[in-house]
Structures are given as structure tokens and as C-alpha cells.
């Protein structure tokens, strides 16, 4: 029962918050959104450089992050995508996956690490996917490390006010300076954290 309530509330929080749209947007309509996997955790931003995370947090020292996988359905297509939503005292931002990279253990099957890149140029608005490249574009890179048993070992996030530069940094082997580790004791999730079958 607790899990069902969590997923129901999650869907409301992610998809039903009204957003204003700027010019030159491309919209893809979907009739239904189903949450396949969802995780919620807190990010402590004490001592972090100023960016859109600190703007959202306001006077608070943390922001809440919702991450997961959704199934988007219309009359002709079913698409699986990753979403992320960051909420603070001053508001919220919601993005869809733009790029992803996965590393595996020697067996070639067990996921070792995953990084996902999100930016404001690709969002969920209601039940629509909206692509809007109006500047400025902000971004968030999510890093996840896994143990051999597929359990999560570590999570970290990298927020940037320059999404275009961050998209180039995403493909580098090194983790950018300013990446923030997540306290896993704040993590609550539904589903399989190693499910990347998009």
C-alpha cells in the first residue's frame, strides 16, 4: 500500500506541475505516463558553488531529487525514457534524458556504473515531451555506481548552469569538479535500480 501511494504521489509531483513555455518549442503528445522505476533522495548543497541547485534551494541547505524510468504511450507508440525532477524551497525543475552511458563488469551483463544527462531543453509538461532550446539551458548529470549484486553503491549529481558545455563534458572519462555526492541513507526507491532497458 505504501508503495502504491508513493508511485501515485510521484506521478502527480512529476507531471502535473504547471510550467510556462517559451517560443520555438517542439511538442510530442502522449495519452498515458506510467512510472516503471522511481527513486527519491536528498542532496546536501552546503558549501557548493552557486548554480541552479542553490537557486532552487533558497535558504535551505538541500534539494530533493526524484529520478526514474517512465513509459510514455499514445495511440501508435510506447516509449521508455528517464526523468528527473529537482525540488527546493524556491521551486522545481523537471527534465527528460538526453544522453546516457553504461559500464559493465567483466561478465558483460552486470551493470557497474551508469551516468545520465538531463537538461532543460527536453522536459515533460503535463503528458507531453517538449524540446525547447531557448537559452539559457541548465543541466544535471546523474552518476550511479553498482555492486556485483546490482545494488547501488554510490550516487552523485553534477548540476550546471551551462548545459551546452556540460553536454560535452558528459562524454569525458573524468567526473567534473563540483559533482556532489548523495547520502544513500536518504534514498527511497521503487523497482529495480539497475533496470536500464529503455
Protein backbone atom coordinates (compact mmCIF):
# COMPACT_ATOMS: atom_id res chain seq x y z
CA UNK A 1 0.00 0.00 0.00
CA UNK A 2 2.84 2.38 0.89
CA UNK A 3 4.48 1.71 -2.49
CA UNK A 4 1.26 2.43 -4.40
CA UNK A 5 0.78 5.72 -2.54
CA UNK A 6 4.41 6.67 -3.27
CA UNK A 7 4.04 6.00 -7.02
CA UNK A 8 0.68 7.80 -7.21
CA UNK A 9 2.07 10.87 -5.45
CA UNK A 10 5.21 10.67 -7.56
CA UNK A 11 3.22 10.82 -10.80
CA UNK A 12 1.37 13.89 -9.57
CA UNK A 13 4.57 15.63 -8.46
CA UNK A 14 6.42 14.93 -11.71
CA UNK A 15 3.81 15.53 -14.34
CA UNK A 16 1.07 17.83 -13.11
CA UNK A 17 3.06 20.89 -12.01
CA UNK A 18 2.19 23.73 -14.42
CA UNK A 19 5.07 25.22 -16.46
CA UNK A 20 5.36 28.23 -18.76
CA UNK A 21 6.71 27.62 -22.27
CA UNK A 22 8.89 29.92 -24.36
CA UNK A 23 8.89 30.32 -28.14
CA UNK A 24 10.05 27.76 -30.73
CA UNK A 25 9.18 24.57 -28.90
CA UNK A 26 8.53 21.12 -30.34
CA UNK A 27 5.84 19.10 -28.53
CA UNK A 28 5.16 15.34 -28.67
CA UNK A 29 1.75 14.32 -27.30
CA UNK A 30 1.21 11.21 -25.15
CA UNK A 31 -2.00 9.88 -23.65
CA UNK A 32 -0.57 7.99 -20.68
CA UNK A 33 2.50 8.05 -18.46
CA UNK A 34 3.46 5.04 -16.33
CA UNK A 35 6.23 5.09 -13.72
CA UNK A 36 8.41 1.95 -14.11
CA UNK A 37 11.16 2.79 -11.61
CA UNK A 38 11.45 5.71 -9.22
CA UNK A 39 13.99 6.86 -6.63
CA UNK A 40 13.86 9.82 -4.28
CA UNK A 41 16.85 11.22 -2.40
CA UNK A 42 18.14 14.42 -0.84
CA UNK A 43 21.21 16.37 -1.99
CA UNK A 44 23.05 18.48 0.58
CA UNK A 45 24.38 21.62 -1.15
CA UNK A 46 26.22 23.12 1.83
CA UNK A 47 29.44 24.65 0.54
CA UNK A 48 28.56 24.17 -3.14
CA UNK A 49 29.25 26.86 -5.71
CA UNK A 50 26.23 28.89 -6.79
CA UNK A 51 24.19 27.31 -9.56
CA UNK A 52 20.56 26.47 -10.30
CA UNK A 53 20.60 23.91 -7.45
CA UNK A 54 21.41 26.61 -4.90
CA UNK A 55 18.85 28.93 -6.55
CA UNK A 56 16.13 26.29 -6.07
CA UNK A 57 17.20 25.58 -2.50
CA UNK A 58 16.96 29.23 -1.43
CA UNK A 59 17.82 29.45 2.27
CA UNK A 60 17.65 25.66 2.65
CA UNK A 61 20.80 23.52 2.53
CA UNK A 62 19.33 20.75 0.39
CA UNK A 63 17.13 19.87 -2.59
CA UNK A 64 15.01 16.79 -3.20
CA UNK A 65 15.63 14.72 -6.34
CA UNK A 66 13.17 12.32 -7.97
CA UNK A 67 14.66 10.06 -10.64
CA UNK A 68 13.18 7.20 -12.57
CA UNK A 69 12.03 5.50 -15.72
CA UNK A 70 8.67 6.19 -17.35
CA UNK A 71 6.66 4.58 -20.13
CA UNK A 72 5.02 7.14 -22.44
CA UNK A 73 2.09 5.87 -24.52
CA UNK A 74 -0.06 7.27 -27.31
CA UNK A 75 -2.23 5.65 -29.99
CA UNK A 76 0.78 4.50 -32.05
CA UNK A 77 3.89 4.45 -29.82
CA UNK A 78 5.22 3.27 -26.48
CA UNK A 79 8.46 5.00 -25.44
CA UNK A 80 10.52 4.39 -22.30
CA UNK A 81 12.52 7.33 -21.04
CA UNK A 82 14.34 8.53 -17.92
CA UNK A 83 13.11 11.56 -15.98
CA UNK A 84 14.46 13.68 -13.19
CA UNK A 85 12.85 16.32 -11.01
CA UNK A 86 14.69 18.61 -8.58
CA UNK A 87 12.63 20.43 -5.94
CA UNK A 88 13.67 23.10 -3.47
CA UNK A 89 12.10 25.82 -1.38
CA UNK A 90 12.10 28.16 -4.40
CA UNK A 91 10.56 25.84 -6.99
CA UNK A 92 11.24 22.81 -9.17
CA UNK A 93 12.81 21.75 -12.47
CA UNK A 94 11.86 18.62 -14.49
CA UNK A 95 13.84 17.12 -17.35
CA UNK A 96 13.98 14.04 -19.58
CA UNK A 97 17.05 12.03 -20.54
CA UNK A 98 19.25 13.43 -23.30
CA UNK A 99 22.29 11.11 -23.17
CA UNK A 100 23.37 8.03 -21.21
CA UNK A 101 26.47 5.88 -20.81
CA UNK A 102 26.78 2.45 -19.15
CA UNK A 103 29.76 0.40 -17.94
CA UNK A 104 29.58 -3.32 -17.13
CA UNK A 105 31.51 -5.82 -15.05
CA UNK A 106 33.66 -8.43 -16.83
CA UNK A 107 30.64 -10.68 -17.45
CA UNK A 108 29.33 -8.03 -19.86
CA UNK A 109 25.87 -8.26 -18.33
CA UNK A 110 26.02 -6.87 -14.77
CA UNK A 111 25.80 -3.08 -14.66
CA UNK A 112 28.80 -1.47 -12.95
CA UNK A 113 28.15 2.24 -13.49
CA UNK A 114 25.63 4.46 -15.25
CA UNK A 115 25.60 8.15 -15.97
CA UNK A 116 22.59 10.03 -17.30
CA UNK A 117 22.49 13.56 -18.71
CA UNK A 118 19.40 15.75 -18.40
CA UNK A 119 18.85 19.35 -19.48
CA UNK A 120 16.15 21.99 -19.69
CA UNK A 121 15.97 21.62 -23.48
CA UNK A 122 13.96 18.39 -23.00
CA UNK A 123 11.14 18.41 -20.46
CA UNK A 124 7.85 16.75 -19.53
CA UNK A 125 4.96 19.23 -19.45
CA UNK A 126 1.71 17.54 -18.44
CA UNK A 127 1.67 14.42 -20.63
CA UNK A 128 3.79 16.00 -23.38
CA UNK A 129 7.50 15.85 -24.22
CA UNK A 130 8.67 19.38 -25.01
CA UNK A 131 12.01 20.18 -26.67
CA UNK A 132 12.96 23.83 -26.23
CA UNK A 133 16.49 25.08 -26.93
CA UNK A 134 15.89 28.63 -25.73
CA UNK A 135 18.93 29.82 -23.74
CA UNK A 136 19.99 29.56 -21.00
CA UNK A 137 19.96 25.76 -20.85
CA UNK A 138 20.66 24.26 -17.43
CA UNK A 139 21.58 20.63 -16.90
CA UNK A 140 22.10 17.80 -14.43
CA UNK A 141 24.33 14.72 -14.74
CA UNK A 142 23.41 11.76 -12.54
CA UNK A 143 26.11 9.21 -11.67
CA UNK A 144 25.24 5.76 -10.24
CA UNK A 145 27.69 3.03 -9.20
CA UNK A 146 26.58 -0.57 -8.60
CA UNK A 147 27.89 -3.57 -6.70
CA UNK A 148 28.16 -7.02 -8.30
CA UNK A 149 24.76 -7.95 -6.83
CA UNK A 150 23.26 -4.93 -8.72
CA UNK A 151 22.64 -2.96 -5.51
CA UNK A 152 23.51 0.73 -5.53
CA UNK A 153 26.95 1.57 -4.15
CA UNK A 154 27.00 5.33 -4.72
CA UNK A 155 25.08 8.21 -6.31
CA UNK A 156 26.35 11.67 -7.19
CA UNK A 157 24.99 14.60 -9.19
CA UNK A 158 26.54 17.42 -11.20
CA UNK A 159 24.34 20.50 -11.76
CA UNK A 160 25.45 23.08 -14.34
CA UNK A 161 24.20 26.48 -15.44
CA UNK A 162 25.83 25.88 -18.86
CA UNK A 163 24.11 22.85 -20.33
CA UNK A 164 25.87 23.09 -23.68
CA UNK A 165 29.33 22.82 -22.09
CA UNK A 166 28.13 20.15 -19.65
CA UNK A 167 26.85 18.05 -22.56
CA UNK A 168 30.41 17.99 -23.97
CA UNK A 169 31.91 17.20 -20.54
CA UNK A 170 29.48 14.29 -20.18
CA UNK A 171 31.46 12.13 -22.63
CA UNK A 172 34.78 12.61 -20.85
CA UNK A 173 36.10 9.87 -18.58
CA UNK A 174 36.65 12.18 -15.60
CA UNK A 175 33.92 13.38 -13.25
CA UNK A 176 33.67 17.19 -13.31
CA UNK A 177 34.72 19.33 -10.36
CA UNK A 178 31.63 20.38 -8.43
CA UNK A 179 29.99 16.94 -8.51
CA UNK A 180 28.02 16.40 -5.28
CA UNK A 181 27.87 13.00 -3.50
CA UNK A 182 24.48 11.76 -2.27
CA UNK A 183 23.85 10.31 1.19
CA UNK A 184 22.28 6.92 0.39
CA UNK A 185 20.54 6.89 3.77
CA UNK A 186 18.12 9.44 2.25
CA UNK A 187 17.27 7.13 -0.68
CA UNK A 188 13.83 5.57 -1.13
CA UNK A 189 13.06 3.71 -4.35
CA UNK A 190 10.53 1.53 -6.15
CA UNK A 191 11.57 -1.04 -8.75
CA UNK A 192 14.97 -2.36 -9.90
CA UNK A 193 17.72 0.32 -9.68
CA UNK A 194 19.79 -1.45 -12.36
CA UNK A 195 16.94 -1.53 -14.91
CA UNK A 196 18.21 0.40 -17.95
CA UNK A 197 16.13 -1.35 -20.61
CA UNK A 198 14.97 1.84 -22.28
